[in-house]
Amino acid sequence: MAVGNDNSNKKTDSGRLEADIEQLKKDLKKLNETLVGIGREGLDAVQTEGAARLEALRKEADDLAKRLKSKGQSQYDALEAQVQDKPLLTLMAAFGLGLIISRLIDRR
């Protein structure tokens, strides 16, 4: 009878072990799903934050472009007024600057 009782214990232990393995598989699957969910949430958060920062940088770049355009226009207007007020002096300055640049380029 000891042999029959021993086989019965082995079957019971084997059955418990199989049940534990199945439960472990289920737990691992659930853990994997949880980790994937956390990863997706993290990715979504990073994408949202990145999009917000990109939009802020885009607005900042637009503001900077507007300021630069305005400043450039005012400089252009000032130069145009100077040329209209003193055309001969401006022409001589441009000729002199061109002469200096041509001399510098010739020295190569």
PDB file of N, CA and C in Angstrom:
ATOM      1  N   MET A   1       0.787  -1.192   0.000  1.00  0.00           N
ATOM      2  CA  MET A   1       0.000   0.000   0.000  1.00  0.00           C
ATOM      3  C   MET A   1       0.832   1.260   0.000  1.00  0.00           C
ATOM      4  N   ALA A   2       1.988   1.136   0.504  1.00  0.00           N
ATOM      5  CA  ALA A   2       2.874   2.286   0.538  1.00  0.00           C
ATOM      6  C   ALA A   2       3.225   2.734  -0.869  1.00  0.00           C
ATOM      7  N   VAL A   3       3.303   1.766  -1.815  1.00  0.00           N
ATOM      8  CA  VAL A   3       3.629   2.102  -3.190  1.00  0.00           C
ATOM      9  C   VAL A   3       2.475   2.858  -3.820  1.00  0.00           C
ATOM     10  N   GLY A   4       1.271   2.464  -3.615  1.00  0.00           N
ATOM     11  CA  GLY A   4       0.088   3.122  -4.158  1.00  0.00           C
ATOM     12  C   GLY A   4      -0.066   4.513  -3.588  1.00  0.00           C
ATOM     13  N   ASN A   5       0.189   4.642  -2.313  1.00  0.00           N
ATOM     14  CA  ASN A   5       0.089   5.934  -1.644  1.00  0.00           C
ATOM     15  C   ASN A   5       1.165   6.879  -2.159  1.00  0.00           C
ATOM     16  N   ASP A   6       2.347   6.343  -2.453  1.00  0.00           N
ATOM     17  CA  ASP A   6       3.467   7.136  -2.959  1.00  0.00           C
ATOM     18  C   ASP A   6       3.160   7.645  -4.374  1.00  0.00           C
ATOM     19  N   ASN A   7       2.563   6.773  -5.224  1.00  0.00           N
ATOM     20  CA  ASN A   7       2.171   7.179  -6.580  1.00  0.00           C
ATOM     21  C   ASN A   7       1.100   8.262  -6.535  1.00  0.00           C
ATOM     22  N   SER A   8       0.200   8.119  -5.609  1.00  0.00           N
ATOM     23  CA  SER A   8      -0.875   9.095  -5.463  1.00  0.00           C
ATOM     24  C   SER A   8      -0.305  10.451  -5.045  1.00  0.00           C
ATOM     25  N   ASN A   9       0.676  10.449  -4.160  1.00  0.00           N
ATOM     26  CA  ASN A   9       1.318  11.704  -3.744  1.00  0.00           C
ATOM     27  C   ASN A   9       2.073  12.349  -4.902  1.00  0.00           C
ATOM     28  N   LYS A  10       2.721  11.510  -5.725  1.00  0.00           N
ATOM     29  CA  LYS A  10       3.458  12.028  -6.869  1.00  0.00           C
ATOM     30  C   LYS A  10       2.499  12.668  -7.882  1.00  0.00           C
ATOM     31  N   LYS A  11       1.337  12.004  -8.107  1.00  0.00           N
ATOM     32  CA  LYS A  11       0.349  12.554  -9.031  1.00  0.00           C
ATOM     33  C   LYS A  11      -0.214  13.868  -8.498  1.00  0.00           C
ATOM     34  N   THR A  12      -0.441  13.927  -7.214  1.00  0.00           N
ATOM     35  CA  THR A  12      -0.973  15.142  -6.596  1.00  0.00           C
ATOM     36  C   THR A  12       0.056  16.263  -6.692  1.00  0.00           C
ATOM     37  N   ASP A  13       1.305  15.928  -6.378  1.00  0.00           N
ATOM     38  CA  ASP A  13       2.377  16.925  -6.482  1.00  0.00           C
ATOM     39  C   ASP A  13       2.554  17.374  -7.925  1.00  0.00           C
ATOM     40  N   SER A  14       2.485  16.434  -8.849  1.00  0.00           N
ATOM     41  CA  SER A  14       2.628  16.760 -10.267  1.00  0.00           C
ATOM     42  C   SER A  14       1.474  17.655 -10.713  1.00  0.00           C
ATOM     43  N   GLY A  15       0.272  17.345 -10.266  1.00  0.00           N
ATOM     44  CA  GLY A  15      -0.900  18.163 -10.606  1.00  0.00           C
ATOM     45  C   GLY A  15      -0.773  19.561 -10.037  1.00  0.00           C
ATOM     46  N   ARG A  16      -0.291  19.662  -8.808  1.00  0.00           N
ATOM     47  CA  ARG A  16      -0.097  20.993  -8.202  1.00  0.00           C
ATOM     48  C   ARG A  16       0.973  21.779  -8.953  1.00  0.00           C
ATOM     49  N   LEU A  17       2.027  21.084  -9.341  1.00  0.00           N
ATOM     50  CA  LEU A  17       3.104  21.728 -10.064  1.00  0.00           C
ATOM     51  C   LEU A  17       2.603  22.252 -11.416  1.00  0.00           C
ATOM     52  N   GLU A  18       1.808  21.445 -12.106  1.00  0.00           N
ATOM     53  CA  GLU A  18       1.242  21.878 -13.391  1.00  0.00           C
ATOM     54  C   GLU A  18       0.309  23.077 -13.194  1.00  0.00           C
ATOM     55  N   ALA A  19      -0.476  23.037 -12.134  1.00  0.00           N
ATOM     56  CA  ALA A  19      -1.384  24.147 -11.851  1.00  0.00           C
ATOM     57  C   ALA A  19      -0.580  25.406 -11.525  1.00  0.00           C
ATOM     58  N   ASP A  20       0.496  25.242 -10.757  1.00  0.00           N
ATOM     59  CA  ASP A  20       1.354  26.387 -10.432  1.00  0.00           C
ATOM     60  C   ASP A  20       2.003  26.959 -11.683  1.00  0.00           C
ATOM     61  N   ILE A  21       2.423  26.090 -12.591  1.00  0.00           N
ATOM     62  CA  ILE A  21       3.049  26.539 -13.836  1.00  0.00           C
ATOM     63  C   ILE A  21       2.026  27.303 -14.685  1.00  0.00           C
ATOM     64  N   GLU A  22       0.809  26.796 -14.770  1.00  0.00           N
ATOM     65  CA  GLU A  22      -0.246  27.484 -15.527  1.00  0.00           C
ATOM     66  C   GLU A  22      -0.539  28.851 -14.915  1.00  0.00           C
ATOM     67  N   GLN A  23      -0.605  28.898 -13.574  1.00  0.00           N
ATOM     68  CA  GLN A  23      -0.854  30.175 -12.897  1.00  0.00           C
ATOM     69  C   GLN A  23       0.302  31.140 -13.150  1.00  0.00           C
ATOM     70  N   LEU A  24       1.515  30.619 -13.135  1.00  0.00           N
ATOM     71  CA  LEU A  24       2.691  31.438 -13.405  1.00  0.00           C
ATOM     72  C   LEU A  24       2.649  31.994 -14.834  1.00  0.00           C
ATOM     73  N   LYS A  25       2.225  31.163 -15.787  1.00  0.00           N
ATOM     74  CA  LYS A  25       2.087  31.626 -17.172  1.00  0.00           C
ATOM     75  C   LYS A  25       1.070  32.758 -17.264  1.00  0.00           C
ATOM     76  N   LYS A  26      -0.069  32.574 -16.568  1.00  0.00           N
ATOM     77  CA  LYS A  26      -1.103  33.611 -16.586  1.00  0.00           C
ATOM     78  C   LYS A  26      -0.585  34.905 -15.952  1.00  0.00           C
ATOM     79  N   ASP A  27       0.140  34.758 -14.841  1.00  0.00           N
ATOM     80  CA  ASP A  27       0.681  35.935 -14.162  1.00  0.00           C
ATOM     81  C   ASP A  27       1.714  36.654 -15.029  1.00  0.00           C
ATOM     82  N   LEU A  28       2.553  35.897 -15.712  1.00  0.00           N
ATOM     83  CA  LEU A  28       3.551  36.494 -16.596  1.00  0.00           C
ATOM     84  C   LEU A  28       2.887  37.212 -17.773  1.00  0.00           C
ATOM     85  N   LYS A  29       1.817  36.606 -18.298  1.00  0.00           N
ATOM     86  CA  LYS A  29       1.094  37.237 -19.394  1.00  0.00           C
ATOM     87  C   LYS A  29       0.474  38.553 -18.923  1.00  0.00           C
ATOM     88  N   LYS A  30      -0.121  38.536 -17.729  1.00  0.00           N
ATOM     89  CA  LYS A  30      -0.727  39.736 -17.171  1.00  0.00           C
ATOM     90  C   LYS A  30       0.338  40.813 -16.912  1.00  0.00           C
ATOM     91  N   LEU A  31       1.496  40.395 -16.396  1.00  0.00           N
ATOM     92  CA  LEU A  31       2.599  41.314 -16.149  1.00  0.00           C
ATOM     93  C   LEU A  31       3.095  41.928 -17.454  1.00  0.00           C
ATOM     94  N   ASN A  32       3.210  41.110 -18.475  1.00  0.00           N
ATOM     95  CA  ASN A  32       3.635  41.606 -19.789  1.00  0.00           C
ATOM     96  C   ASN A  32       2.645  42.632 -20.329  1.00  0.00           C
ATOM     97  N   GLU A  33       1.360  42.358 -20.214  1.00  0.00           N
ATOM     98  CA  GLU A  33       0.342  43.300 -20.675  1.00  0.00           C
ATOM     99  C   GLU A  33       0.418  44.611 -19.896  1.00  0.00           C
ATOM    100  N   THR A  34       0.664  44.511 -18.599  1.00  0.00           N
ATOM    101  CA  THR A  34       0.786  45.705 -17.760  1.00  0.00           C
ATOM    102  C   THR A  34       1.995  46.537 -18.183  1.00  0.00           C
ATOM    103  N   LEU A  35       3.116  45.868 -18.415  1.00  0.00           N
ATOM    104  CA  LEU A  35       4.332  46.577 -18.822  1.00  0.00           C
ATOM    105  C   LEU A  35       4.165  47.233 -20.186  1.00  0.00           C
ATOM    106  N   VAL A  36       3.495  46.546 -21.103  1.00  0.00           N
ATOM    107  CA  VAL A  36       3.237  47.124 -22.421  1.00  0.00           C
ATOM    108  C   VAL A  36       2.338  48.349 -22.274  1.00  0.00           C
ATOM    109  N   GLY A  37       1.346  48.265 -21.414  1.00  0.00           N
ATOM    110  CA  GLY A  37       0.451  49.408 -21.175  1.00  0.00           C
ATOM    111  C   GLY A  37       1.202  50.590 -20.592  1.00  0.00           C
ATOM    112  N   ILE A  38       2.077  50.318 -19.646  1.00  0.00           N
ATOM    113  CA  ILE A  38       2.882  51.387 -19.046  1.00  0.00           C
ATOM    114  C   ILE A  38       3.786  52.013 -20.104  1.00  0.00           C
ATOM    115  N   GLY A  39       4.378  51.173 -20.944  1.00  0.00           N
ATOM    116  CA  GLY A  39       5.237  51.685 -22.014  1.00  0.00           C
ATOM    117  C   GLY A  39       4.476  52.570 -22.977  1.00  0.00           C
ATOM    118  N   ARG A  40       3.275  52.161 -23.327  1.00  0.00           N
ATOM    119  CA  ARG A  40       2.457  52.971 -24.239  1.00  0.00           C
ATOM    120  C   ARG A  40       2.086  54.301 -23.605  1.00  0.00           C
ATOM    121  N   GLU A  41       1.718  54.270 -22.328  1.00  0.00           N
ATOM    122  CA  GLU A  41       1.366  55.511 -21.633  1.00  0.00           C
ATOM    123  C   GLU A  41       2.559  56.449 -21.576  1.00  0.00           C
ATOM    124  N   GLY A  42       3.741  55.876 -21.299  1.00  0.00           N
ATOM    125  CA  GLY A  42       4.953  56.690 -21.266  1.00  0.00           C
ATOM    126  C   GLY A  42       5.259  57.292 -22.620  1.00  0.00           C
ATOM    127  N   LEU A  43       5.100  56.504 -23.661  1.00  0.00           N
ATOM    128  CA  LEU A  43       5.339  56.983 -25.014  1.00  0.00           C
ATOM    129  C   LEU A  43       4.354  58.082 -25.376  1.00  0.00           C
ATOM    130  N   ASP A  44       3.092  57.889 -25.022  1.00  0.00           N
ATOM    131  CA  ASP A  44       2.085  58.916 -25.294  1.00  0.00           C
ATOM    132  C   ASP A  44       2.427  60.214 -24.566  1.00  0.00           C
ATOM    133  N   ALA A  45       2.876  60.093 -23.320  1.00  0.00           N
ATOM    134  CA  ALA A  45       3.238  61.283 -22.544  1.00  0.00           C
ATOM    135  C   ALA A  45       4.422  62.000 -23.180  1.00  0.00           C
ATOM    136  N   VAL A  46       5.411  61.250 -23.611  1.00  0.00           N
ATOM    137  CA  VAL A  46       6.586  61.849 -24.250  1.00  0.00           C
ATOM    138  C   VAL A  46       6.196  62.514 -25.567  1.00  0.00           C
ATOM    139  N   GLN A  47       5.347  61.862 -26.348  1.00  0.00           N
ATOM    140  CA  GLN A  47       4.910  62.445 -27.618  1.00  0.00           C
ATOM    141  C   GLN A  47       4.121  63.732 -27.385  1.00  0.00           C
ATOM    142  N   THR A  48       3.256  63.730 -26.387  1.00  0.00           N
ATOM    143  CA  THR A  48       2.465  64.915 -26.077  1.00  0.00           C
ATOM    144  C   THR A  48       3.368  66.061 -25.649  1.00  0.00           C
ATOM    145  N   GLU A  49       4.311  65.764 -24.767  1.00  0.00           N
ATOM    146  CA  GLU A  49       5.251  66.790 -24.290  1.00  0.00           C
ATOM    147  C   GLU A  49       6.108  67.300 -25.438  1.00  0.00           C
ATOM    148  N   GLY A  50       6.564  66.396 -26.298  1.00  0.00           N
ATOM    149  CA  GLY A  50       7.370  66.796 -27.444  1.00  0.00           C
ATOM    150  C   GLY A  50       6.594  67.680 -28.395  1.00  0.00           C
ATOM    151  N   ALA A  51       5.348  67.343 -28.636  1.00  0.00           N
ATOM    152  CA  ALA A  51       4.514  68.162 -29.522  1.00  0.00           C
ATOM    153  C   ALA A  51       4.288  69.557 -28.936  1.00  0.00           C
ATOM    154  N   ALA A  52       4.077  69.616 -27.622  1.00  0.00           N
ATOM    155  CA  ALA A  52       3.876  70.920 -26.969  1.00  0.00           C
ATOM    156  C   ALA A  52       5.141  71.769 -27.063  1.00  0.00           C
ATOM    157  N   ARG A  53       6.290  71.158 -26.828  1.00  0.00           N
ATOM    158  CA  ARG A  53       7.552  71.907 -26.928  1.00  0.00           C
ATOM    159  C   ARG A  53       7.817  72.354 -28.356  1.00  0.00           C
ATOM    160  N   LEU A  54       7.518  71.494 -29.310  1.00  0.00           N
ATOM    161  CA  LEU A  54       7.712  71.847 -30.714  1.00  0.00           C
ATOM    162  C   LEU A  54       6.823  73.030 -31.096  1.00  0.00           C
ATOM    163  N   GLU A  55       5.603  73.030 -30.628  1.00  0.00           N
ATOM    164  CA  GLU A  55       4.691  74.130 -30.924  1.00  0.00           C
ATOM    165  C   GLU A  55       5.191  75.423 -30.286  1.00  0.00           C
ATOM    166  N   ALA A  56       5.698  75.344 -29.060  1.00  0.00           N
ATOM    167  CA  ALA A  56       6.239  76.533 -28.398  1.00  0.00           C
ATOM    168  C   ALA A  56       7.453  77.063 -29.164  1.00  0.00           C
ATOM    169  N   LEU A  57       8.323  76.170 -29.621  1.00  0.00           N
ATOM    170  CA  LEU A  57       9.488  76.595 -30.405  1.00  0.00           C
ATOM    171  C   LEU A  57       9.072  77.199 -31.737  1.00  0.00           C
ATOM    172  N   ARG A  58       8.032  76.636 -32.340  1.00  0.00           N
ATOM    173  CA  ARG A  58       7.531  77.168 -33.609  1.00  0.00           C
ATOM    174  C   ARG A  58       7.005  78.592 -33.423  1.00  0.00           C
ATOM    175  N   LYS A  59       6.260  78.814 -32.340  1.00  0.00           N
ATOM    176  CA  LYS A  59       5.739  80.159 -32.074  1.00  0.00           C
ATOM    177  C   LYS A  59       6.887  81.132 -31.809  1.00  0.00           C
ATOM    178  N   GLU A  60       7.876  80.678 -31.051  1.00  0.00           N
ATOM    179  CA  GLU A  60       9.025  81.523 -30.758  1.00  0.00           C
ATOM    180  C   GLU A  60       9.786  81.873 -32.042  1.00  0.00           C
ATOM    181  N   ALA A  61       9.950  80.902 -32.923  1.00  0.00           N
ATOM    182  CA  ALA A  61      10.635  81.139 -34.194  1.00  0.00           C
ATOM    183  C   ALA A  61       9.835  82.122 -35.056  1.00  0.00           C
ATOM    184  N   ASP A  62       8.512  81.996 -35.059  1.00  0.00           N
ATOM    185  CA  ASP A  62       7.673  82.924 -35.819  1.00  0.00           C
ATOM    186  C   ASP A  62       7.804  84.349 -35.284  1.00  0.00           C
ATOM    187  N   ASP A  63       7.802  84.485 -33.953  1.00  0.00           N
ATOM    188  CA  ASP A  63       7.960  85.809 -33.347  1.00  0.00           C
ATOM    189  C   ASP A  63       9.322  86.407 -33.701  1.00  0.00           C
ATOM    190  N   LEU A  64      10.352  85.581 -33.633  1.00  0.00           N
ATOM    191  CA  LEU A  64      11.694  86.052 -33.968  1.00  0.00           C
ATOM    192  C   LEU A  64      11.768  86.470 -35.435  1.00  0.00           C
ATOM    193  N   ALA A  65      11.154  85.689 -36.311  1.00  0.00           N
ATOM    194  CA  ALA A  65      11.148  86.036 -37.740  1.00  0.00           C
ATOM    195  C   ALA A  65      10.430  87.356 -37.973  1.00  0.00           C
ATOM    196  N   LYS A  66       9.336  87.575 -37.273  1.00  0.00           N
ATOM    197  CA  LYS A  66       8.600  88.840 -37.425  1.00  0.00           C
ATOM    198  C   LYS A  66       9.443  90.018 -36.953  1.00  0.00           C
ATOM    199  N   ARG A  67      10.123  89.840 -35.811  1.00  0.00           N
ATOM    200  CA  ARG A  67      10.971  90.924 -35.288  1.00  0.00           C
ATOM    201  C   ARG A  67      12.125  91.216 -36.243  1.00  0.00           C
ATOM    202  N   LEU A  68      12.747  90.137 -36.762  1.00  0.00           N
ATOM    203  CA  LEU A  68      13.861  90.331 -37.693  1.00  0.00           C
ATOM    204  C   LEU A  68      13.388  91.004 -38.979  1.00  0.00           C
ATOM    205  N   LYS A  69      12.229  90.617 -39.463  1.00  0.00           N
ATOM    206  CA  LYS A  69      11.691  91.224 -40.679  1.00  0.00           C
ATOM    207  C   LYS A  69      11.425  92.707 -40.448  1.00  0.00           C
ATOM    208  N   SER A  70      10.863  93.015 -39.300  1.00  0.00           N
ATOM    209  CA  SER A  70      10.569  94.408 -38.970  1.00  0.00           C
ATOM    210  C   SER A  70      11.859  95.224 -38.871  1.00  0.00           C
ATOM    211  N   LYS A  71      12.853  94.663 -38.204  1.00  0.00           N
ATOM    212  CA  LYS A  71      14.128  95.367 -38.061  1.00  0.00           C
ATOM    213  C   LYS A  71      14.808  95.515 -39.418  1.00  0.00           C
ATOM    214  N   GLY A  72      14.787  94.475 -40.216  1.00  0.00           N
ATOM    215  CA  GLY A  72      15.368  94.551 -41.556  1.00  0.00           C
ATOM    216  C   GLY A  72      14.690  95.597 -42.409  1.00  0.00           C
ATOM    217  N   GLN A  73      13.376  95.659 -42.311  1.00  0.00           N
ATOM    218  CA  GLN A  73      12.618  96.651 -43.083  1.00  0.00           C
ATOM    219  C   GLN A  73      12.987  98.058 -42.642  1.00  0.00           C
ATOM    220  N   SER A  74      13.121  98.267 -41.331  1.00  0.00           N
ATOM    221  CA  SER A  74      13.484  99.606 -40.852  1.00  0.00           C
ATOM    222  C   SER A  74      14.900  99.974 -41.298  1.00  0.00           C
ATOM    223  N   GLN A  75      15.822  99.010 -41.299  1.00  0.00           N
ATOM    224  CA  GLN A  75      17.184  99.274 -41.777  1.00  0.00           C
ATOM    225  C   GLN A  75      17.173  99.593 -43.274  1.00  0.00           C
ATOM    226  N   TYR A  76      16.372  98.854 -44.013  1.00  0.00           N
ATOM    227  CA  TYR A  76      16.247  99.098 -45.453  1.00  0.00           C
ATOM    228  C   TYR A  76      15.685 100.494 -45.711  1.00  0.00           C
ATOM    229  N   ASP A  77      14.663 100.852 -44.940  1.00  0.00           N
ATOM    230  CA  ASP A  77      14.063 102.180 -45.101  1.00  0.00           C
ATOM    231  C   ASP A  77      15.078 103.275 -44.775  1.00  0.00           C
ATOM    232  N   ALA A  78      15.878 103.056 -43.731  1.00  0.00           N
ATOM    233  CA  ALA A  78      16.892 104.051 -43.360  1.00  0.00           C
ATOM    234  C   ALA A  78      17.948 104.172 -44.458  1.00  0.00           C
ATOM    235  N   LEU A  79      18.386 103.067 -45.015  1.00  0.00           N
ATOM    236  CA  LEU A  79      19.373 103.089 -46.091  1.00  0.00           C
ATOM    237  C   LEU A  79      18.797 103.755 -47.335  1.00  0.00           C
ATOM    238  N   GLU A  80      17.556 103.460 -47.630  1.00  0.00           N
ATOM    239  CA  GLU A  80      16.909 104.076 -48.791  1.00  0.00           C
ATOM    240  C   GLU A  80      16.798 105.589 -48.610  1.00  0.00           C
ATOM    241  N   ALA A  81      16.479 106.019 -47.401  1.00  0.00           N
ATOM    242  CA  ALA A  81      16.384 107.459 -47.133  1.00  0.00           C
ATOM    243  C   ALA A  81      17.756 108.116 -47.287  1.00  0.00           C
ATOM    244  N   GLN A  82      18.808 107.438 -46.818  1.00  0.00           N
ATOM    245  CA  GLN A  82      20.159 107.982 -46.938  1.00  0.00           C
ATOM    246  C   GLN A  82      20.560 108.100 -48.408  1.00  0.00           C
ATOM    247  N   VAL A  83      20.239 107.078 -49.205  1.00  0.00           N
ATOM    248  CA  VAL A  83      20.571 107.111 -50.629  1.00  0.00           C
ATOM    249  C   VAL A  83      19.815 108.243 -51.319  1.00  0.00           C
ATOM    250  N   GLN A  84      18.578 108.459 -50.950  1.00  0.00           N
ATOM    251  CA  GLN A  84      17.794 109.536 -51.566  1.00  0.00           C
ATOM    252  C   GLN A  84      18.305 110.905 -51.143  1.00  0.00           C
ATOM    253  N   ASP A  85      18.748 111.031 -49.889  1.00  0.00           N
ATOM    254  CA  ASP A  85      19.240 112.310 -49.398  1.00  0.00           C
ATOM    255  C   ASP A  85      20.610 112.653 -49.986  1.00  0.00           C
ATOM    256  N   LYS A  86      21.493 111.657 -50.078  1.00  0.00           N
ATOM    257  CA  LYS A  86      22.864 111.901 -50.535  1.00  0.00           C
ATOM    258  C   LYS A  86      23.260 110.851 -51.575  1.00  0.00           C
ATOM    259  N   PRO A  87      22.740 110.936 -52.770  1.00  0.00           N
ATOM    260  CA  PRO A  87      23.016 109.904 -53.770  1.00  0.00           C
ATOM    261  C   PRO A  87      24.481 109.860 -54.215  1.00  0.00           C
ATOM    262  N   LEU A  88      25.127 111.002 -54.360  1.00  0.00           N
ATOM    263  CA  LEU A  88      26.511 111.023 -54.810  1.00  0.00           C
ATOM    264  C   LEU A  88      27.442 110.425 -53.772  1.00  0.00           C
ATOM    265  N   LEU A  89      27.240 110.775 -52.519  1.00  0.00           N
ATOM    266  CA  LEU A  89      28.070 110.234 -51.436  1.00  0.00           C
ATOM    267  C   LEU A  89      27.886 108.712 -51.341  1.00  0.00           C
ATOM    268  N   THR A  90      26.674 108.244 -51.486  1.00  0.00           N
ATOM    269  CA  THR A  90      26.391 106.809 -51.427  1.00  0.00           C
ATOM    270  C   THR A  90      27.048 106.085 -52.589  1.00  0.00           C
ATOM    271  N   LEU A  91      26.990 106.669 -53.758  1.00  0.00           N
ATOM    272  CA  LEU A  91      27.615 106.071 -54.932  1.00  0.00           C
ATOM    273  C   LEU A  91      29.129 105.972 -54.758  1.00  0.00           C
ATOM    274  N   MET A  92      29.745 107.026 -54.225  1.00  0.00           N
ATOM    275  CA  MET A  92      31.195 107.016 -53.991  1.00  0.00           C
ATOM    276  C   MET A  92      31.571 105.980 -52.931  1.00  0.00           C
ATOM    277  N   ALA A  93      30.757 105.862 -51.883  1.00  0.00           N
ATOM    278  CA  ALA A  93      31.026 104.869 -50.837  1.00  0.00           C
ATOM    279  C   ALA A  93      30.922 103.461 -51.403  1.00  0.00           C
ATOM    280  N   ALA A  94      29.937 103.214 -52.234  1.00  0.00           N
ATOM    281  CA  ALA A  94      29.774 101.885 -52.840  1.00  0.00           C
ATOM    282  C   ALA A  94      30.936 101.580 -53.773  1.00  0.00           C
ATOM    283  N   PHE A  95      31.384 102.595 -54.546  1.00  0.00           N
ATOM    284  CA  PHE A  95      32.520 102.402 -55.443  1.00  0.00           C
ATOM    285  C   PHE A  95      33.781 102.094 -54.644  1.00  0.00           C
ATOM    286  N   GLY A  96      34.014 102.843 -53.574  1.00  0.00           N
ATOM    287  CA  GLY A  96      35.199 102.620 -52.729  1.00  0.00           C
ATOM    288  C   GLY A  96      35.179 101.238 -52.094  1.00  0.00           C
ATOM    289  N   LEU A  97      34.041 100.842 -51.600  1.00  0.00           N
ATOM    290  CA  LEU A  97      33.917  99.509 -50.993  1.00  0.00           C
ATOM    291  C   LEU A  97      34.150  98.419 -52.028  1.00  0.00           C
ATOM    292  N   GLY A  98      33.634  98.594 -53.210  1.00  0.00           N
ATOM    293  CA  GLY A  98      33.855  97.624 -54.281  1.00  0.00           C
ATOM    294  C   GLY A  98      35.318  97.540 -54.660  1.00  0.00           C
ATOM    295  N   LEU A  99      36.008  98.684 -54.685  1.00  0.00           N
ATOM    296  CA  LEU A  99      37.430  98.714 -55.005  1.00  0.00           C
ATOM    297  C   LEU A  99      38.239  97.966 -53.953  1.00  0.00           C
ATOM    298  N   ILE A 100      37.928  98.195 -52.691  1.00  0.00           N
ATOM    299  CA  ILE A 100      38.635  97.504 -51.595  1.00  0.00           C
ATOM    300  C   ILE A 100      38.403  95.998 -51.667  1.00  0.00           C
ATOM    301  N   ILE A 101      37.188  95.593 -51.901  1.00  0.00           N
ATOM    302  CA  ILE A 101      36.878  94.159 -51.981  1.00  0.00           C
ATOM    303  C   ILE A 101      37.585  93.525 -53.168  1.00  0.00           C
ATOM    304  N   SER A 102      37.628  94.219 -54.297  1.00  0.00           N
ATOM    305  CA  SER A 102      38.312  93.650 -55.467  1.00  0.00           C
ATOM    306  C   SER A 102      39.811  93.504 -55.204  1.00  0.00           C
ATOM    307  N   ARG A 103      40.424  94.431 -54.482  1.00  0.00           N
ATOM    308  CA  ARG A 103      41.844  94.340 -54.141  1.00  0.00           C
ATOM    309  C   ARG A 103      42.104  93.145 -53.208  1.00  0.00           C
ATOM    310  N   LEU A 104      41.209  92.954 -52.260  1.00  0.00           N
ATOM    311  CA  LEU A 104      41.355  91.824 -51.319  1.00  0.00           C
ATOM    312  C   LEU A 104      41.230  90.488 -52.058  1.00  0.00           C
ATOM    313  N   ILE A 105      40.330  90.427 -53.021  1.00  0.00           N
ATOM    314  CA  ILE A 105      40.130  89.183 -53.770  1.00  0.00           C
ATOM    315  C   ILE A 105      41.318  88.938 -54.692  1.00  0.00           C
ATOM    316  N   ASP A 106      41.903  89.982 -55.256  1.00  0.00           N
ATOM    317  CA  ASP A 106      43.065  89.837 -56.146  1.00  0.00           C
ATOM    318  C   ASP A 106      44.289  89.290 -55.435  1.00  0.00           C
ATOM    319  N   ARG A 107      44.411  89.463 -54.152  1.00  0.00           N
ATOM    320  CA  ARG A 107      45.581  89.049 -53.382  1.00  0.00           C
ATOM    321  C   ARG A 107      45.702  87.548 -53.194  1.00  0.00           C
ATOM    322  N   ARG A 108      44.751  86.814 -53.593  1.00  0.00           N
ATOM    323  CA  ARG A 108      44.781  85.361 -53.406  1.00  0.00           C
ATOM    324  C   ARG A 108      46.069  84.873 -53.903  1.00  0.00           C
TER     325      ARG A 108
END
